[in-house]
Amino acid sequence: MTITTNARIAGVTFVTYIAAGIAALALGGGSHAADVLTIVTSLSALTLGVTLCAITRDVDRDLALLALLCRVVEAVPGHKGGPVFFAVGSTLFCWLLLRGKLIPLALAGLGAMASVLLVSLLMLQRAGLLGAGSNWSSAATWVAWLPMLVFELAFAAWLIVKGVAVPQRRQSV
């Protein structure tokens, strides 16, 4: 596939991923509809991993592969570390987008900042320093996740409408 096709697929998949994730949260666990939405979010995570890896691999193949693998782990339903792997994968992909100048620097910077914030807060949470688990009715949870939501929606729109620039290959040293 071309980089443009991967960008468009990633953009549509981001929207699908967000919509399915929010709908699954709203329905709560245990219903058949929530189970189907969980499968949709898992497939979306895998699709995003592959398409974003294809977009960013010319910037740094190793980091793109590591980010893809983080998305694979994230896609495992019920994996307790899923949100952390999501945030780490997002951090790596945003770094590659920023370094390769594939999208506007402000947008890539927002993604990198939101991702690093999320990794930090999730790790503190996992260490028991910010309370256990994520409570979606908590203001702290929304403060942590809202910048990522804003980035992903803006990034999805950018990918669908504009695509990405041709990656600048990194020179071997």
C-alpha atoms as a PDB file:
ATOM      1  CA  MET A   1       0.000   0.000   0.000  1.00  0.00           C
ATOM      2  CA  THR A   2       1.085   3.566  -0.514  1.00  0.00           C
ATOM      3  CA  ILE A   3       1.834   5.947   2.324  1.00  0.00           C
ATOM      4  CA  THR A   4      -1.288   7.933   1.352  1.00  0.00           C
ATOM      5  CA  THR A   5      -3.498   4.843   1.573  1.00  0.00           C
ATOM      6  CA  ASN A   6      -2.000   3.943   4.948  1.00  0.00           C
ATOM      7  CA  ALA A   7      -2.626   7.492   6.172  1.00  0.00           C
ATOM      8  CA  ARG A   8      -6.281   7.436   5.098  1.00  0.00           C
ATOM      9  CA  ILE A   9      -6.852   3.999   6.639  1.00  0.00           C
ATOM     10  CA  ALA A  10      -5.195   5.148   9.879  1.00  0.00           C
ATOM     11  CA  GLY A  11      -7.381   8.272   9.985  1.00  0.00           C
ATOM     12  CA  VAL A  12     -10.626   6.323   9.574  1.00  0.00           C
ATOM     13  CA  THR A  13      -9.401   3.700  12.031  1.00  0.00           C
ATOM     14  CA  PHE A  14      -8.667   6.335  14.697  1.00  0.00           C
ATOM     15  CA  VAL A  15     -12.267   7.548  14.469  1.00  0.00           C
ATOM     16  CA  THR A  16     -13.578   3.967  14.620  1.00  0.00           C
ATOM     17  CA  TYR A  17     -11.289   3.158  17.555  1.00  0.00           C
ATOM     18  CA  ILE A  18     -12.383   6.202  19.545  1.00  0.00           C
ATOM     19  CA  ALA A  19     -16.091   5.716  18.840  1.00  0.00           C
ATOM     20  CA  ALA A  20     -15.996   2.003  19.689  1.00  0.00           C
ATOM     21  CA  GLY A  21     -13.952   2.606  22.846  1.00  0.00           C
ATOM     22  CA  ILE A  22     -16.262   5.312  24.164  1.00  0.00           C
ATOM     23  CA  ALA A  23     -19.348   3.245  23.302  1.00  0.00           C
ATOM     24  CA  ALA A  24     -17.897   0.190  25.082  1.00  0.00           C
ATOM     25  CA  LEU A  25     -17.203   2.310  28.182  1.00  0.00           C
ATOM     26  CA  ALA A  26     -20.734   3.695  28.090  1.00  0.00           C
ATOM     27  CA  LEU A  27     -22.255   0.208  27.860  1.00  0.00           C
ATOM     28  CA  GLY A  28     -20.065  -1.235  30.585  1.00  0.00           C
ATOM     29  CA  GLY A  29     -18.761  -4.786  30.628  1.00  0.00           C
ATOM     30  CA  GLY A  30     -20.760  -7.950  30.288  1.00  0.00           C
ATOM     31  CA  SER A  31     -23.100  -7.132  27.417  1.00  0.00           C
ATOM     32  CA  HIS A  32     -22.775  -8.716  23.997  1.00  0.00           C
ATOM     33  CA  ALA A  33     -22.591  -5.270  22.399  1.00  0.00           C
ATOM     34  CA  ALA A  34     -19.698  -4.285  24.688  1.00  0.00           C
ATOM     35  CA  ASP A  35     -17.916  -7.526  23.771  1.00  0.00           C
ATOM     36  CA  VAL A  36     -18.271  -6.762  20.055  1.00  0.00           C
ATOM     37  CA  LEU A  37     -17.030  -3.205  20.606  1.00  0.00           C
ATOM     38  CA  THR A  38     -14.017  -4.562  22.494  1.00  0.00           C
ATOM     39  CA  ILE A  39     -13.167  -6.718  19.483  1.00  0.00           C
ATOM     40  CA  VAL A  40     -13.548  -3.658  17.224  1.00  0.00           C
ATOM     41  CA  THR A  41     -11.146  -1.673  19.426  1.00  0.00           C
ATOM     42  CA  SER A  42      -8.634  -4.552  19.400  1.00  0.00           C
ATOM     43  CA  LEU A  43      -8.770  -4.816  15.608  1.00  0.00           C
ATOM     44  CA  SER A  44      -8.475  -1.043  15.385  1.00  0.00           C
ATOM     45  CA  ALA A  45      -5.351  -1.071  17.589  1.00  0.00           C
ATOM     46  CA  LEU A  46      -3.777  -3.683  15.314  1.00  0.00           C
ATOM     47  CA  THR A  47      -4.736  -1.759  12.170  1.00  0.00           C
ATOM     48  CA  LEU A  48      -3.314   1.446  13.637  1.00  0.00           C
ATOM     49  CA  GLY A  49      -0.119  -0.358  14.562  1.00  0.00           C
ATOM     50  CA  VAL A  50       0.394  -1.640  11.016  1.00  0.00           C
ATOM     51  CA  THR A  51      -0.562   1.580   9.229  1.00  0.00           C
ATOM     52  CA  LEU A  52       1.408   3.882  11.542  1.00  0.00           C
ATOM     53  CA  CYS A  53       4.406   1.552  11.305  1.00  0.00           C
ATOM     54  CA  ALA A  54       4.202   1.729   7.512  1.00  0.00           C
ATOM     55  CA  ILE A  55       4.014   5.536   7.676  1.00  0.00           C
ATOM     56  CA  THR A  56       6.925   5.962  10.102  1.00  0.00           C
ATOM     57  CA  ARG A  57       9.283   3.073   9.287  1.00  0.00           C
ATOM     58  CA  ASP A  58      11.429   5.167   6.932  1.00  0.00           C
ATOM     59  CA  VAL A  59      12.189   7.524   9.821  1.00  0.00           C
ATOM     60  CA  ASP A  60      13.438   4.731  12.097  1.00  0.00           C
ATOM     61  CA  ARG A  61      12.574   1.107  11.349  1.00  0.00           C
ATOM     62  CA  ASP A  62      13.443  -0.186  14.838  1.00  0.00           C
ATOM     63  CA  LEU A  63      11.364   2.370  16.751  1.00  0.00           C
ATOM     64  CA  ALA A  64       8.450   1.913  14.329  1.00  0.00           C
ATOM     65  CA  LEU A  65       8.567  -1.839  14.954  1.00  0.00           C
ATOM     66  CA  LEU A  66       8.704  -1.336  18.730  1.00  0.00           C
ATOM     67  CA  ALA A  67       5.690   0.995  18.527  1.00  0.00           C
ATOM     68  CA  LEU A  68       3.844  -1.601  16.417  1.00  0.00           C
ATOM     69  CA  LEU A  69       4.564  -4.263  19.032  1.00  0.00           C
ATOM     70  CA  CYS A  70       3.217  -1.972  21.752  1.00  0.00           C
ATOM     71  CA  ARG A  71      -0.021  -1.721  19.739  1.00  0.00           C
ATOM     72  CA  VAL A  72      -0.137  -5.520  19.460  1.00  0.00           C
ATOM     73  CA  VAL A  73       0.090  -5.898  23.254  1.00  0.00           C
ATOM     74  CA  GLU A  74      -2.463  -3.104  23.694  1.00  0.00           C
ATOM     75  CA  ALA A  75      -4.876  -5.021  21.448  1.00  0.00           C
ATOM     76  CA  VAL A  76      -5.052  -8.021  23.799  1.00  0.00           C
ATOM     77  CA  PRO A  77      -8.481  -7.731  25.482  1.00  0.00           C
ATOM     78  CA  GLY A  78      -8.297  -7.588  29.265  1.00  0.00           C
ATOM     79  CA  HIS A  79      -4.504  -7.106  29.394  1.00  0.00           C
ATOM     80  CA  LYS A  80      -3.944  -4.985  32.514  1.00  0.00           C
ATOM     81  CA  GLY A  81      -0.999  -3.172  30.960  1.00  0.00           C
ATOM     82  CA  GLY A  82      -2.939  -2.324  27.788  1.00  0.00           C
ATOM     83  CA  PRO A  83      -3.283   1.407  28.505  1.00  0.00           C
ATOM     84  CA  VAL A  84       0.441   1.699  29.279  1.00  0.00           C
ATOM     85  CA  PHE A  85       1.395  -0.081  26.046  1.00  0.00           C
ATOM     86  CA  PHE A  86      -1.072   2.191  24.199  1.00  0.00           C
ATOM     87  CA  ALA A  87       0.615   5.283  25.657  1.00  0.00           C
ATOM     88  CA  VAL A  88       4.166   4.033  25.017  1.00  0.00           C
ATOM     89  CA  GLY A  89       3.292   3.063  21.429  1.00  0.00           C
ATOM     90  CA  SER A  90       1.681   6.445  20.913  1.00  0.00           C
ATOM     91  CA  THR A  91       4.751   8.190  22.330  1.00  0.00           C
ATOM     92  CA  LEU A  92       7.021   6.333  19.923  1.00  0.00           C
ATOM     93  CA  PHE A  93       4.808   6.940  16.881  1.00  0.00           C
ATOM     94  CA  CYS A  94       4.455  10.645  17.765  1.00  0.00           C
ATOM     95  CA  TRP A  95       8.232  10.942  18.172  1.00  0.00           C
ATOM     96  CA  LEU A  96       8.699   9.411  14.724  1.00  0.00           C
ATOM     97  CA  LEU A  97       6.044  11.705  13.223  1.00  0.00           C
ATOM     98  CA  LEU A  98       7.787  14.681  14.824  1.00  0.00           C
ATOM     99  CA  ARG A  99      11.311  13.622  13.859  1.00  0.00           C
ATOM    100  CA  GLY A 100      10.330  12.782  10.290  1.00  0.00           C
ATOM    101  CA  LYS A 101       8.284  15.988   9.919  1.00  0.00           C
ATOM    102  CA  LEU A 102       5.434  13.868   8.567  1.00  0.00           C
ATOM    103  CA  ILE A 103       2.677  16.078   9.993  1.00  0.00           C
ATOM    104  CA  PRO A 104       2.690  19.678  11.260  1.00  0.00           C
ATOM    105  CA  LEU A 105       5.135  20.062  14.133  1.00  0.00           C
ATOM    106  CA  ALA A 106       2.466  21.533  16.435  1.00  0.00           C
ATOM    107  CA  LEU A 107       0.215  18.502  15.923  1.00  0.00           C
ATOM    108  CA  ALA A 108       3.058  15.996  16.387  1.00  0.00           C
ATOM    109  CA  GLY A 109       4.237  17.952  19.435  1.00  0.00           C
ATOM    110  CA  LEU A 110       0.754  17.840  20.968  1.00  0.00           C
ATOM    111  CA  GLY A 111       0.680  14.076  20.424  1.00  0.00           C
ATOM    112  CA  ALA A 112       4.129  13.585  21.928  1.00  0.00           C
ATOM    113  CA  MET A 113       3.295  15.765  24.936  1.00  0.00           C
ATOM    114  CA  ALA A 114      -0.071  14.068  25.523  1.00  0.00           C
ATOM    115  CA  SER A 115       1.528  10.630  25.176  1.00  0.00           C
ATOM    116  CA  VAL A 116       4.390  11.322  27.578  1.00  0.00           C
ATOM    117  CA  LEU A 117       1.915  12.808  30.093  1.00  0.00           C
ATOM    118  CA  LEU A 118      -0.245   9.718  29.795  1.00  0.00           C
ATOM    119  CA  VAL A 119       2.703   7.296  30.166  1.00  0.00           C
ATOM    120  CA  SER A 120       3.832   9.184  33.276  1.00  0.00           C
ATOM    121  CA  LEU A 121       0.411   9.263  34.899  1.00  0.00           C
ATOM    122  CA  LEU A 122      -0.385   5.641  34.060  1.00  0.00           C
ATOM    123  CA  MET A 123       2.938   4.470  35.494  1.00  0.00           C
ATOM    124  CA  LEU A 124       2.356   6.482  38.684  1.00  0.00           C
ATOM    125  CA  GLN A 125      -1.105   4.972  38.862  1.00  0.00           C
ATOM    126  CA  ARG A 126       0.270   1.437  38.369  1.00  0.00           C
ATOM    127  CA  ALA A 127       2.783   2.139  41.177  1.00  0.00           C
ATOM    128  CA  GLY A 128      -0.153   2.967  43.455  1.00  0.00           C
ATOM    129  CA  LEU A 129       0.764   6.628  43.808  1.00  0.00           C
ATOM    130  CA  LEU A 130      -2.387   8.005  42.166  1.00  0.00           C
ATOM    131  CA  GLY A 131      -4.943   5.432  43.221  1.00  0.00           C
ATOM    132  CA  ALA A 132      -5.674   2.053  41.671  1.00  0.00           C
ATOM    133  CA  GLY A 133      -7.355   1.577  38.311  1.00  0.00           C
ATOM    134  CA  SER A 134      -8.909   4.247  36.145  1.00  0.00           C
ATOM    135  CA  ASN A 135     -12.240   5.618  37.205  1.00  0.00           C
ATOM    136  CA  TRP A 136     -13.813   7.186  34.131  1.00  0.00           C
ATOM    137  CA  SER A 137     -16.040   9.425  36.266  1.00  0.00           C
ATOM    138  CA  SER A 138     -12.938  10.922  37.890  1.00  0.00           C
ATOM    139  CA  ALA A 139     -11.788  14.367  36.768  1.00  0.00           C
ATOM    140  CA  ALA A 140      -8.151  13.232  37.096  1.00  0.00           C
ATOM    141  CA  THR A 141      -8.731  10.463  34.569  1.00  0.00           C
ATOM    142  CA  TRP A 142     -10.216  12.895  32.057  1.00  0.00           C
ATOM    143  CA  VAL A 143      -7.392  15.397  32.598  1.00  0.00           C
ATOM    144  CA  ALA A 144      -4.932  12.626  31.744  1.00  0.00           C
ATOM    145  CA  TRP A 145      -6.810  11.288  28.704  1.00  0.00           C
ATOM    146  CA  LEU A 146      -8.366  14.475  27.238  1.00  0.00           C
ATOM    147  CA  PRO A 147      -5.180  15.813  25.567  1.00  0.00           C
ATOM    148  CA  MET A 148      -4.741  12.405  23.889  1.00  0.00           C
ATOM    149  CA  LEU A 149      -8.345  12.433  22.692  1.00  0.00           C
ATOM    150  CA  VAL A 150      -7.909  15.929  21.236  1.00  0.00           C
ATOM    151  CA  PHE A 151      -4.686  14.884  19.509  1.00  0.00           C
ATOM    152  CA  GLU A 152      -6.135  11.667  18.079  1.00  0.00           C
ATOM    153  CA  LEU A 153      -9.223  13.399  16.672  1.00  0.00           C
ATOM    154  CA  ALA A 154      -7.146  16.187  15.118  1.00  0.00           C
ATOM    155  CA  PHE A 155      -4.593  13.661  13.824  1.00  0.00           C
ATOM    156  CA  ALA A 156      -7.354  11.484  12.354  1.00  0.00           C
ATOM    157  CA  ALA A 157      -8.826  14.467  10.523  1.00  0.00           C
ATOM    158  CA  TRP A 158      -5.367  15.462   9.258  1.00  0.00           C
ATOM    159  CA  LEU A 159      -4.642  11.939   7.998  1.00  0.00           C
ATOM    160  CA  ILE A 160      -7.984  11.705   6.193  1.00  0.00           C
ATOM    161  CA  VAL A 161      -7.790  15.146   4.591  1.00  0.00           C
ATOM    162  CA  LYS A 162      -4.060  15.826   4.110  1.00  0.00           C
ATOM    163  CA  GLY A 163      -2.243  12.522   4.611  1.00  0.00           C
ATOM    164  CA  VAL A 164       1.428  12.703   5.570  1.00  0.00           C
ATOM    165  CA  ALA A 165       4.576  14.153   4.074  1.00  0.00           C
ATOM    166  CA  VAL A 166       7.126  11.856   2.495  1.00  0.00           C
ATOM    167  CA  PRO A 167       9.325  10.673   5.370  1.00  0.00           C
ATOM    168  CA  GLN A 168      12.823  12.060   5.630  1.00  0.00           C
ATOM    169  CA  ARG A 169      15.104   9.020   5.814  1.00  0.00           C
ATOM    170  CA  ARG A 170      17.527   9.050   8.666  1.00  0.00           C
ATOM    171  CA  GLN A 171      21.185   8.921   7.684  1.00  0.00           C
ATOM    172  CA  SER A 172      23.326   6.102   9.085  1.00  0.00           C
ATOM    173  CA  VAL A 173      26.132   7.349  11.284  1.00  0.00           C
END
